All heavy atoms as atom14 arrays in JSON, in Angstrom:
{
  "sequence": "VNATYTLTLARAAEKRGANFKKLVFISSLAA",
  "atom14_mask": [
    [1, 1, 1, 1, 1, 1, 1, 0, 0, 0, 0, 0, 0, 0],
    [1, 1, 1, 1, 1, 1, 1, 1, 0, 0, 0, 0, 0, 0],
    [1, 1, 1, 1, 1, 0, 0, 0, 0, 0, 0, 0, 0, 0],
    [1, 1, 1, 1, 1, 1, 1, 0, 0, 0, 0, 0, 0, 0],
    [1, 1, 1, 1, 1, 1, 1, 1, 1, 1, 1, 1, 0, 0],
    [1, 1, 1, 1, 1, 1, 1, 0, 0, 0, 0, 0, 0, 0],
    [1, 1, 1, 1, 1, 1, 1, 1, 0, 0, 0, 0, 0, 0],
    [1, 1, 1, 1, 1, 1, 1, 0, 0, 0, 0, 0, 0, 0],
    [1, 1, 1, 1, 1, 1, 1, 1, 0, 0, 0, 0, 0, 0],
    [1, 1, 1, 1, 1, 0, 0, 0, 0, 0, 0, 0, 0, 0],
    [1, 1, 1, 1, 1, 1, 1, 1, 1, 1, 1, 0, 0, 0],
    [1, 1, 1, 1, 1, 0, 0, 0, 0, 0, 0, 0, 0, 0],
    [1, 1, 1, 1, 1, 0, 0, 0, 0, 0, 0, 0, 0, 0],
    [1, 1, 1, 1, 1, 1, 1, 1, 1, 0, 0, 0, 0, 0],
    [1, 1, 1, 1, 1, 1, 1, 1, 1, 0, 0, 0, 0, 0],
    [1, 1, 1, 1, 1, 1, 1, 1, 1, 1, 1, 0, 0, 0],
    [1, 1, 1, 1, 0, 0, 0, 0, 0, 0, 0, 0, 0, 0],
    [1, 1, 1, 1, 1, 0, 0, 0, 0, 0, 0, 0, 0, 0],
    [1, 1, 1, 1, 1, 1, 1, 1, 0, 0, 0, 0, 0, 0],
    [1, 1, 1, 1, 1, 1, 1, 1, 1, 1, 1, 0, 0, 0],
    [1, 1, 1, 1, 1, 1, 1, 1, 1, 0, 0, 0, 0, 0],
    [1, 1, 1, 1, 1, 1, 1, 1, 1, 0, 0, 0, 0, 0],
    [1, 1, 1, 1, 1, 1, 1, 1, 0, 0, 0, 0, 0, 0],
    [1, 1, 1, 1, 1, 1, 1, 0, 0, 0, 0, 0, 0, 0],
    [1, 1, 1, 1, 1, 1, 1, 1, 1, 1, 1, 0, 0, 0],
    [1, 1, 1, 1, 1, 1, 1, 1, 0, 0, 0, 0, 0, 0],
    [1, 1, 1, 1, 1, 1, 0, 0, 0, 0, 0, 0, 0, 0],
    [1, 1, 1, 1, 1, 1, 0, 0, 0, 0, 0, 0, 0, 0],
    [1, 1, 1, 1, 1, 1, 1, 1, 0, 0, 0, 0, 0, 0],
    [1, 1, 1, 1, 1, 0, 0, 0, 0, 0, 0, 0, 0, 0],
    [1, 1, 1, 1, 1, 0, 0, 0, 0, 0, 0, 0, 0, 0]
  ],
  "atom14_positions": [
    [[0.82, -1.21, 0.0], [0.0, 0.0, 0.0], [0.85, 1.27, 0.0], [0.6, 2.2, -0.78], [-0.95, 0.0, 1.21], [-1.75, 1.31, 1.26], [-1.9, -1.19, 1.15], [0.0, 0.0, 0.0], [0.0, 0.0, 0.0], [0.0, 0.0, 0.0], [0.0, 0.0, 0.0], [0.0, 0.0, 0.0], [0.0, 0.0, 0.0], [0.0, 0.0, 0.0]],
    [[1.86, 1.32, 0.86], [2.62, 2.55, 1.03], [3.72, 2.75, -0.01], [4.11, 3.89, -0.28], [3.24, 2.59, 2.42], [2.21, 2.67, 3.51], [1.06, 3.03, 3.27], [2.58, 2.33, 4.73], [0.0, 0.0, 0.0], [0.0, 0.0, 0.0], [0.0, 0.0, 0.0], [0.0, 0.0, 0.0], [0.0, 0.0, 0.0], [0.0, 0.0, 0.0]],
    [[4.2, 1.67, -0.59], [5.28, 1.79, -1.58], [4.81, 1.41, -2.98], [4.84, 2.24, -3.9], [6.47, 0.93, -1.16], [0.0, 0.0, 0.0], [0.0, 0.0, 0.0], [0.0, 0.0, 0.0], [0.0, 0.0, 0.0], [0.0, 0.0, 0.0], [0.0, 0.0, 0.0], [0.0, 0.0, 0.0], [0.0, 0.0, 0.0], [0.0, 0.0, 0.0]],
    [[4.35, 0.18, -3.16], [3.99, -0.28, -4.51], [2.89, 0.59, -5.12], [2.99, 1.02, -6.28], [3.53, -1.74, -4.48], [4.58, -2.55, -3.94], [3.19, -2.23, -5.88], [0.0, 0.0, 0.0], [0.0, 0.0, 0.0], [0.0, 0.0, 0.0], [0.0, 0.0, 0.0], [0.0, 0.0, 0.0], [0.0, 0.0, 0.0], [0.0, 0.0, 0.0]],
    [[1.84, 0.87, -4.36], [0.75, 1.7, -4.89], [1.23, 3.11, -5.21], [0.82, 3.71, -6.21], [-0.41, 1.75, -3.91], [-1.23, 0.49, -3.79], [-2.29, 0.4, -2.9], [-0.93, -0.63, -4.57], [-3.04, -0.76, -2.78], [-1.67, -1.8, -4.45], [-2.73, -1.86, -3.56], [-3.46, -3.01, -3.44], [0.0, 0.0, 0.0], [0.0, 0.0, 0.0]],
    [[2.1, 3.64, -4.37], [2.66, 4.98, -4.62], [3.43, 5.0, -5.93], [3.28, 5.92, -6.75], [3.58, 5.39, -3.46], [2.83, 5.48, -2.25], [4.24, 6.73, -3.74], [0.0, 0.0, 0.0], [0.0, 0.0, 0.0], [0.0, 0.0, 0.0], [0.0, 0.0, 0.0], [0.0, 0.0, 0.0], [0.0, 0.0, 0.0], [0.0, 0.0, 0.0]],
    [[4.25, 3.99, -6.15], [5.07, 3.96, -7.36], [4.24, 3.68, -8.6], [4.53, 4.21, -9.68], [6.17, 2.9, -7.21], [7.14, 3.14, -6.04], [8.16, 2.01, -5.94], [7.85, 4.47, -6.21], [0.0, 0.0, 0.0], [0.0, 0.0, 0.0], [0.0, 0.0, 0.0], [0.0, 0.0, 0.0], [0.0, 0.0, 0.0], [0.0, 0.0, 0.0]],
    [[3.18, 2.89, -8.47], [2.28, 2.67, -9.6], [1.61, 3.98, -10.01], [1.51, 4.29, -11.21], [1.2, 1.63, -9.24], [1.85, 0.42, -8.84], [0.3, 1.33, -10.43], [0.0, 0.0, 0.0], [0.0, 0.0, 0.0], [0.0, 0.0, 0.0], [0.0, 0.0, 0.0], [0.0, 0.0, 0.0], [0.0, 0.0, 0.0], [0.0, 0.0, 0.0]],
    [[1.17, 4.74, -9.05], [0.57, 6.04, -9.34], [1.58, 6.98, -9.98], [1.28, 7.69, -10.95], [0.01, 6.65, -8.05], [-0.63, 8.04, -8.17], [-1.84, 8.0, -9.08], [-1.0, 8.57, -6.78], [0.0, 0.0, 0.0], [0.0, 0.0, 0.0], [0.0, 0.0, 0.0], [0.0, 0.0, 0.0], [0.0, 0.0, 0.0], [0.0, 0.0, 0.0]],
    [[2.79, 6.99, -9.46], [3.83, 7.87, -10.0], [4.18, 7.5, -11.44], [4.39, 8.38, -12.3], [5.08, 7.81, -9.12], [0.0, 0.0, 0.0], [0.0, 0.0, 0.0], [0.0, 0.0, 0.0], [0.0, 0.0, 0.0], [0.0, 0.0, 0.0], [0.0, 0.0, 0.0], [0.0, 0.0, 0.0], [0.0, 0.0, 0.0], [0.0, 0.0, 0.0]],
    [[4.23, 6.21, -11.75], [4.53, 5.78, -13.12], [3.39, 6.16, -14.07], [3.63, 6.51, -15.23], [4.8, 4.28, -13.16], [6.17, 3.89, -12.6], [6.52, 2.45, -12.94], [5.64, 1.52, -12.24], [5.93, 0.99, -11.05], [7.05, 1.3, -10.43], [5.08, 0.14, -10.48], [0.0, 0.0, 0.0], [0.0, 0.0, 0.0], [0.0, 0.0, 0.0]],
    [[2.16, 6.08, -13.58], [1.02, 6.5, -14.4], [1.12, 7.99, -14.71], [0.86, 8.42, -15.84], [-0.29, 6.19, -13.68], [0.0, 0.0, 0.0], [0.0, 0.0, 0.0], [0.0, 0.0, 0.0], [0.0, 0.0, 0.0], [0.0, 0.0, 0.0], [0.0, 0.0, 0.0], [0.0, 0.0, 0.0], [0.0, 0.0, 0.0], [0.0, 0.0, 0.0]],
    [[1.52, 8.78, -13.72], [1.7, 10.21, -13.93], [2.85, 10.47, -14.9], [2.79, 11.37, -15.75], [1.96, 10.91, -12.6], [0.0, 0.0, 0.0], [0.0, 0.0, 0.0], [0.0, 0.0, 0.0], [0.0, 0.0, 0.0], [0.0, 0.0, 0.0], [0.0, 0.0, 0.0], [0.0, 0.0, 0.0], [0.0, 0.0, 0.0], [0.0, 0.0, 0.0]],
    [[3.91, 9.66, -14.79], [5.06, 9.81, -15.66], [4.67, 9.62, -17.13], [5.21, 10.29, -18.03], [6.13, 8.79, -15.26], [7.43, 8.89, -16.03], [8.42, 7.84, -15.58], [8.0, 6.71, -15.25], [9.62, 8.14, -15.56], [0.0, 0.0, 0.0], [0.0, 0.0, 0.0], [0.0, 0.0, 0.0], [0.0, 0.0, 0.0], [0.0, 0.0, 0.0]],
    [[3.71, 8.73, -17.39], [3.27, 8.48, -18.76], [2.62, 9.69, -19.4], [2.53, 9.78, -20.63], [2.28, 7.31, -18.78], [2.92, 5.94, -18.58], [1.87, 4.84, -18.72], [2.49, 3.46, -18.6], [1.47, 2.39, -18.73], [0.0, 0.0, 0.0], [0.0, 0.0, 0.0], [0.0, 0.0, 0.0], [0.0, 0.0, 0.0], [0.0, 0.0, 0.0]],
    [[2.16, 10.62, -18.59], [1.52, 11.82, -19.13], [2.52, 12.81, -19.68], [2.16, 13.81, -20.3], [0.66, 12.49, -18.06], [-0.52, 11.64, -17.59], [-1.64, 12.49, -17.05], [-2.17, 13.35, -18.09], [-2.52, 14.64, -17.91], [-2.35, 15.2, -16.72], [-3.0, 15.35, -18.9], [0.0, 0.0, 0.0], [0.0, 0.0, 0.0], [0.0, 0.0, 0.0]],
    [[3.8, 12.55, -19.45], [4.84, 13.4, -20.0], [4.76, 14.82, -19.49], [4.49, 15.06, -18.31], [0.0, 0.0, 0.0], [0.0, 0.0, 0.0], [0.0, 0.0, 0.0], [0.0, 0.0, 0.0], [0.0, 0.0, 0.0], [0.0, 0.0, 0.0], [0.0, 0.0, 0.0], [0.0, 0.0, 0.0], [0.0, 0.0, 0.0], [0.0, 0.0, 0.0]],
    [[4.97, 15.78, -20.38], [5.01, 17.19, -19.99], [3.66, 17.71, -19.51], [3.58, 18.79, -18.91], [5.49, 18.04, -21.16], [0.0, 0.0, 0.0], [0.0, 0.0, 0.0], [0.0, 0.0, 0.0], [0.0, 0.0, 0.0], [0.0, 0.0, 0.0], [0.0, 0.0, 0.0], [0.0, 0.0, 0.0], [0.0, 0.0, 0.0], [0.0, 0.0, 0.0]],
    [[2.59, 16.96, -19.76], [1.27, 17.39, -19.29], [1.14, 17.3, -17.77], [0.27, 17.95, -17.18], [0.17, 16.53, -19.92], [0.02, 16.79, -21.4], [0.05, 17.94, -21.83], [-0.11, 15.74, -22.19], [0.0, 0.0, 0.0], [0.0, 0.0, 0.0], [0.0, 0.0, 0.0], [0.0, 0.0, 0.0], [0.0, 0.0, 0.0], [0.0, 0.0, 0.0]],
    [[2.0, 16.48, -17.15], [1.95, 16.36, -15.71], [3.01, 17.26, -15.08], [4.17, 17.26, -15.51], [2.18, 14.92, -15.26], [2.01, 14.73, -13.78], [0.75, 14.66, -13.22], [3.12, 14.66, -12.95], [0.59, 14.51, -11.86], [2.97, 14.51, -11.59], [1.69, 14.44, -11.04], [0.0, 0.0, 0.0], [0.0, 0.0, 0.0], [0.0, 0.0, 0.0]],
    [[2.62, 18.01, -14.04], [3.49, 19.05, -13.5], [4.25, 18.67, -12.24], [5.44, 18.94, -12.11], [2.67, 20.31, -13.22], [1.86, 20.81, -14.4], [2.72, 21.1, -15.62], [1.88, 21.64, -16.78], [2.69, 21.83, -18.01], [0.0, 0.0, 0.0], [0.0, 0.0, 0.0], [0.0, 0.0, 0.0], [0.0, 0.0, 0.0], [0.0, 0.0, 0.0]],
    [[3.58, 18.04, -11.24], [4.28, 17.79, -9.98], [3.54, 16.76, -9.14], [2.31, 16.74, -9.08], [4.4, 19.11, -9.18], [4.93, 19.0, -7.74], [6.41, 18.7, -7.7], [7.24, 19.95, -7.89], [7.23, 20.84, -6.72], [0.0, 0.0, 0.0], [0.0, 0.0, 0.0], [0.0, 0.0, 0.0], [0.0, 0.0, 0.0], [0.0, 0.0, 0.0]],
    [[4.3, 15.89, -8.47], [3.78, 14.97, -7.46], [4.39, 15.36, -6.12], [5.61, 15.49, -5.99], [4.17, 13.53, -7.79], [3.96, 12.49, -6.69], [2.47, 12.29, -6.41], [4.61, 11.16, -7.05], [0.0, 0.0, 0.0], [0.0, 0.0, 0.0], [0.0, 0.0, 0.0], [0.0, 0.0, 0.0], [0.0, 0.0, 0.0], [0.0, 0.0, 0.0]],
    [[3.53, 15.57, -5.13], [3.97, 15.75, -3.75], [3.6, 14.49, -2.99], [2.42, 14.13, -2.91], [3.32, 16.98, -3.1], [3.67, 17.04, -1.61], [3.79, 18.26, -3.79], [0.0, 0.0, 0.0], [0.0, 0.0, 0.0], [0.0, 0.0, 0.0], [0.0, 0.0, 0.0], [0.0, 0.0, 0.0], [0.0, 0.0, 0.0], [0.0, 0.0, 0.0]],
    [[4.59, 13.81, -2.47], [4.38, 12.56, -1.74], [4.51, 12.83, -0.24], [5.53, 13.34, 0.23], [5.4, 11.51, -2.16], [5.37, 10.25, -1.34], [4.19, 9.54, -1.18], [6.52, 9.77, -0.72], [4.15, 8.37, -0.41], [6.5, 8.61, 0.03], [5.31, 7.9, 0.19], [0.0, 0.0, 0.0], [0.0, 0.0, 0.0], [0.0, 0.0, 0.0]],
    [[3.44, 12.5, 0.49], [3.49, 12.63, 1.95], [4.12, 11.36, 2.52], [3.46, 10.33, 2.66], [2.09, 12.86, 2.54], [1.39, 14.03, 1.86], [2.21, 13.11, 4.05], [2.07, 15.37, 2.01], [0.0, 0.0, 0.0], [0.0, 0.0, 0.0], [0.0, 0.0, 0.0], [0.0, 0.0, 0.0], [0.0, 0.0, 0.0], [0.0, 0.0, 0.0]],
    [[5.39, 11.44, 2.82], [6.09, 10.33, 3.44], [5.95, 10.46, 4.95], [4.87, 10.8, 5.45], [7.56, 10.32, 3.01], [8.26, 9.23, 3.55], [0.0, 0.0, 0.0], [0.0, 0.0, 0.0], [0.0, 0.0, 0.0], [0.0, 0.0, 0.0], [0.0, 0.0, 0.0], [0.0, 0.0, 0.0], [0.0, 0.0, 0.0], [0.0, 0.0, 0.0]],
    [[6.99, 10.23, 5.7], [6.93, 10.31, 7.16], [8.34, 10.42, 7.71], [9.3, 9.9, 7.13], [6.25, 9.07, 7.73], [6.38, 9.03, 9.14], [0.0, 0.0, 0.0], [0.0, 0.0, 0.0], [0.0, 0.0, 0.0], [0.0, 0.0, 0.0], [0.0, 0.0, 0.0], [0.0, 0.0, 0.0], [0.0, 0.0, 0.0], [0.0, 0.0, 0.0]],
    [[8.46, 11.09, 8.85], [9.75, 11.11, 9.54], [10.17, 9.71, 9.95], [11.35, 9.43, 10.15], [9.66, 12.03, 10.77], [10.98, 12.43, 11.41], [11.87, 13.17, 10.43], [10.73, 13.27, 12.65], [0.0, 0.0, 0.0], [0.0, 0.0, 0.0], [0.0, 0.0, 0.0], [0.0, 0.0, 0.0], [0.0, 0.0, 0.0], [0.0, 0.0, 0.0]],
    [[9.18, 8.81, 10.03], [9.48, 7.4, 10.35], [10.37, 6.77, 9.29], [11.03, 5.76, 9.56], [8.19, 6.61, 10.49], [0.0, 0.0, 0.0], [0.0, 0.0, 0.0], [0.0, 0.0, 0.0], [0.0, 0.0, 0.0], [0.0, 0.0, 0.0], [0.0, 0.0, 0.0], [0.0, 0.0, 0.0], [0.0, 0.0, 0.0], [0.0, 0.0, 0.0]],
    [[10.4, 7.32, 8.08], [11.28, 6.8, 7.03], [12.75, 7.0, 7.39], [13.61, 6.22, 6.96], [10.96, 7.46, 5.69], [0.0, 0.0, 0.0], [0.0, 0.0, 0.0], [0.0, 0.0, 0.0], [0.0, 0.0, 0.0], [0.0, 0.0, 0.0], [0.0, 0.0, 0.0], [0.0, 0.0, 0.0], [0.0, 0.0, 0.0], [0.0, 0.0, 0.0]]
  ]
}
């Protein structure tokens, strides 16, 4: 949930190329 799903979403955004502007990922100090 916290890693694989995040990366799947990010790769989907990456496919949009220049049409996609920014991803802000809420991680945690626990990292």
